[in-house]
Each structure stands twice: as C-alpha cells, then as structure tokens.
Amino acid sequence: MVRNLQASPGIQPEQVLIVLHEPPLVNWGVRGGKAASDIDLGFALKV
C-alpha cells in the first residue's frame, strides 16, 4: 500500500500512517443491513 502511494501520487512512506479499526460484529451491516452477529456467515470470524 505504501509503495503504491509512493509510486502515485508520490507520497513519501514516512508520511503514511495506517490505522486499523475493527468494530464488533454487532456494528457490521451485512445481507440487507442485518447485524453480522445475528447471521451464520458459514465461517468463524473473531474480531
């Protein structure tokens, strides 16, 4: 990601800050706006 930002538009790597935020599944809207915690997604997802 940082290399791509450096290649175009020319942002230097030391100027990049990446923040990952993982909200709880009750705040994820999936399949028409249902809470992800209420749906069997078919796989385990631990946030």
C-alpha atoms as a PDB file:
ATOM      1  CA  MET A   1       0.000   0.000   0.000  1.00  0.00           C
ATOM      2  CA  VAL A   2       2.765   2.397   0.965  1.00  0.00           C
ATOM      3  CA  ARG A   3       4.736   1.570  -2.192  1.00  0.00           C
ATOM      4  CA  ASN A   4       1.667   2.291  -4.308  1.00  0.00           C
ATOM      5  CA  LEU A   5       1.170   5.641  -2.603  1.00  0.00           C
ATOM      6  CA  GLN A   6       4.810   6.449  -3.204  1.00  0.00           C
ATOM      7  CA  ALA A   7       4.627   5.477  -6.891  1.00  0.00           C
ATOM      8  CA  SER A   8       1.466   7.509  -7.499  1.00  0.00           C
ATOM      9  CA  PRO A   9       0.656  10.197  -6.301  1.00  0.00           C
ATOM     10  CA  GLY A  10       4.170  10.488  -4.828  1.00  0.00           C
ATOM     11  CA  ILE A  11       3.539  10.391  -1.080  1.00  0.00           C
ATOM     12  CA  GLN A  12       6.673   9.534   0.889  1.00  0.00           C
ATOM     13  CA  PRO A  13       6.465   6.396   3.100  1.00  0.00           C
ATOM     14  CA  GLU A  14       7.313   8.329   6.266  1.00  0.00           C
ATOM     15  CA  GLN A  15       4.220  10.480   5.644  1.00  0.00           C
ATOM     16  CA  VAL A  16       1.862   7.474   5.685  1.00  0.00           C
ATOM     17  CA  LEU A  17       0.009   6.387   8.819  1.00  0.00           C
ATOM     18  CA  ILE A  18      -2.275   3.360   8.574  1.00  0.00           C
ATOM     19  CA  VAL A  19      -4.889   2.821  11.282  1.00  0.00           C
ATOM     20  CA  LEU A  20      -6.805  -0.456  11.535  1.00  0.00           C
ATOM     21  CA  HIS A  21     -10.096  -0.330  13.390  1.00  0.00           C
ATOM     22  CA  GLU A  22     -12.138  -3.495  13.870  1.00  0.00           C
ATOM     23  CA  PRO A  23     -15.630  -2.749  15.144  1.00  0.00           C
ATOM     24  CA  PRO A  24     -17.629  -5.548  16.830  1.00  0.00           C
ATOM     25  CA  LEU A  25     -19.798  -7.743  14.613  1.00  0.00           C
ATOM     26  CA  VAL A  26     -22.973  -6.179  16.031  1.00  0.00           C
ATOM     27  CA  ASN A  27     -21.921  -2.985  14.215  1.00  0.00           C
ATOM     28  CA  TRP A  28     -21.406  -4.689  10.841  1.00  0.00           C
ATOM     29  CA  GLY A  29     -24.355  -4.434   8.461  1.00  0.00           C
ATOM     30  CA  VAL A  30     -24.486  -7.365   6.017  1.00  0.00           C
ATOM     31  CA  ARG A  31     -27.090  -9.062   3.834  1.00  0.00           C
ATOM     32  CA  GLY A  32     -29.535  -6.210   3.691  1.00  0.00           C
ATOM     33  CA  GLY A  33     -28.496  -4.408   6.867  1.00  0.00           C
ATOM     34  CA  LYS A  34     -28.697  -7.313   9.328  1.00  0.00           C
ATOM     35  CA  ALA A  35     -26.150  -7.368  12.157  1.00  0.00           C
ATOM     36  CA  ALA A  36     -23.342  -9.792  11.301  1.00  0.00           C
ATOM     37  CA  SER A  37     -23.535 -11.214  14.824  1.00  0.00           C
ATOM     38  CA  ASP A  38     -27.099 -12.420  14.040  1.00  0.00           C
ATOM     39  CA  ILE A  39     -26.178 -14.250  10.826  1.00  0.00           C
ATOM     40  CA  ASP A  40     -24.449 -17.595  10.280  1.00  0.00           C
ATOM     41  CA  LEU A  41     -21.710 -16.460   7.896  1.00  0.00           C
ATOM     42  CA  GLY A  42     -20.610 -20.046   7.255  1.00  0.00           C
ATOM     43  CA  PHE A  43     -17.171 -19.454   8.783  1.00  0.00           C
ATOM     44  CA  ALA A  44     -15.691 -18.336  12.084  1.00  0.00           C
ATOM     45  CA  LEU A  45     -14.939 -14.638  12.396  1.00  0.00           C
ATOM     46  CA  LYS A  46     -13.342 -13.403  15.592  1.00  0.00           C
ATOM     47  CA  VAL A  47     -12.783  -9.679  15.875  1.00  0.00           C
END
